[in-house]
Amino acid sequence: MGCSAYIGNRCSVTGDGCMFLIPNSKACAETFGEGPDANMERCEECSHFYLEDNKRCCKREPLKFIESQLVKSKYIDEGVICCGAFSK
């Protein structure tokens, strides 16, 4: 499968060369969360998202582990793309 973001020898998403020998939009979305097949519902597009001191935060204060305890925290972990409660 090709990738519609790959034009010529450049990826229009990253502006660089493709990470795959044969451009693959689905693999790019699964591996890097980018490209035309990627889920675009990200925390940054949610009405609950905000930045505080350049840190990603959520008004809903999702649960997370801090010092081995499950607690509510406004900070969003690095690997989190979307909590599933996406709303524009």
Protein backbone atom coordinates (compact mmCIF):
# COMPACT_ATOMS: atom_id res chain seq x y z
CA MET A 1 0.00 0.00 0.00
CA GLY A 2 1.30 3.43 -0.88
CA CYS A 3 1.12 6.60 1.17
CA SER A 4 -0.72 9.68 -0.11
CA ALA A 5 1.51 11.86 2.09
CA TYR A 6 4.58 10.68 0.16
CA ILE A 7 5.19 12.95 -2.81
CA GLY A 8 8.30 12.48 -4.92
CA ASN A 9 11.06 11.72 -2.47
CA ARG A 10 9.59 13.63 0.50
CA CYS A 11 6.96 12.95 3.14
CA SER A 12 4.58 15.92 3.36
CA VAL A 13 3.99 15.23 7.08
CA THR A 14 7.61 15.20 8.28
CA GLY A 15 9.16 17.15 5.40
CA ASP A 16 11.87 14.49 5.26
CA GLY A 17 12.38 11.18 3.52
CA CYS A 18 9.99 8.31 4.24
CA MET A 19 10.92 5.99 7.12
CA PHE A 20 9.87 2.95 5.08
CA LEU A 21 11.59 1.45 2.04
CA ILE A 22 8.17 1.37 0.35
CA PRO A 23 5.92 4.21 1.65
CA ASN A 24 3.12 2.64 3.72
CA SER A 25 0.48 4.95 5.18
CA LYS A 26 -1.09 2.38 7.54
CA ALA A 27 2.28 1.30 8.96
CA CYS A 28 3.26 4.96 9.39
CA ALA A 29 0.04 5.65 11.31
CA GLU A 30 0.53 2.59 13.56
CA THR A 31 4.23 3.18 14.19
CA PHE A 32 4.51 6.98 14.34
CA GLY A 33 0.91 8.23 14.64
CA GLU A 34 1.38 10.34 11.51
CA GLY A 35 0.15 10.43 7.94
CA PRO A 36 -3.27 10.31 6.28
CA ASP A 37 -4.32 7.08 8.05
CA ALA A 38 -3.43 8.35 11.54
CA ASN A 39 -6.06 9.07 14.16
CA MET A 40 -6.17 12.85 14.20
CA GLU A 41 -8.16 13.05 17.43
CA ARG A 42 -5.30 14.11 19.66
CA CYS A 43 -5.30 15.64 23.11
CA GLU A 44 -4.08 18.90 21.58
CA GLU A 45 -7.34 19.20 19.60
CA CYS A 46 -9.62 18.46 22.58
CA SER A 47 -11.52 21.17 24.46
CA HIS A 48 -10.17 19.72 27.75
CA PHE A 49 -6.53 20.19 26.72
CA TYR A 50 -4.32 23.07 27.87
CA LEU A 51 -0.63 23.86 28.31
CA GLU A 52 0.82 24.90 31.64
CA ASP A 53 4.53 25.75 31.85
CA ASN A 54 4.93 24.02 28.47
CA LYS A 55 3.50 20.75 29.90
CA ARG A 56 0.48 18.96 28.42
CA CYS A 57 -2.53 19.07 30.79
CA CYS A 58 -6.17 17.93 30.84
CA LYS A 59 -9.03 19.69 32.65
CA ARG A 60 -10.60 16.28 33.36
CA GLU A 61 -7.55 15.24 35.43
CA PRO A 62 -7.12 11.66 34.18
CA LEU A 63 -5.88 8.90 36.46
CA LYS A 64 -2.17 8.07 36.35
CA PHE A 65 0.51 6.39 38.45
CA ILE A 66 2.61 8.73 40.57
CA GLU A 67 5.08 7.06 42.94
CA SER A 68 3.28 3.70 42.55
CA GLN A 69 -0.13 5.16 43.49
CA LEU A 70 -3.07 5.74 41.18
CA VAL A 71 -4.07 9.40 41.53
CA LYS A 72 -5.80 12.12 39.53
CA SER A 73 -3.38 14.42 37.78
CA LYS A 74 -3.80 17.27 35.33
CA TYR A 75 -0.58 16.25 33.54
CA ILE A 76 -0.83 14.04 30.45
CA ASP A 77 1.81 11.30 30.05
CA GLU A 78 4.15 11.64 27.06
CA GLY A 79 2.87 8.55 25.25
CA VAL A 80 -0.83 9.49 25.49
CA ILE A 81 -2.38 10.69 22.24
CA CYS A 82 -6.04 10.74 23.28
CA CYS A 83 -7.98 9.52 26.31
CA GLY A 84 -11.00 8.50 24.26
CA ALA A 85 -13.23 11.29 25.56
CA PHE A 86 -12.37 13.49 22.60
CA SER A 87 -14.58 16.52 22.11
CA LYS A 88 -13.95 19.50 19.90
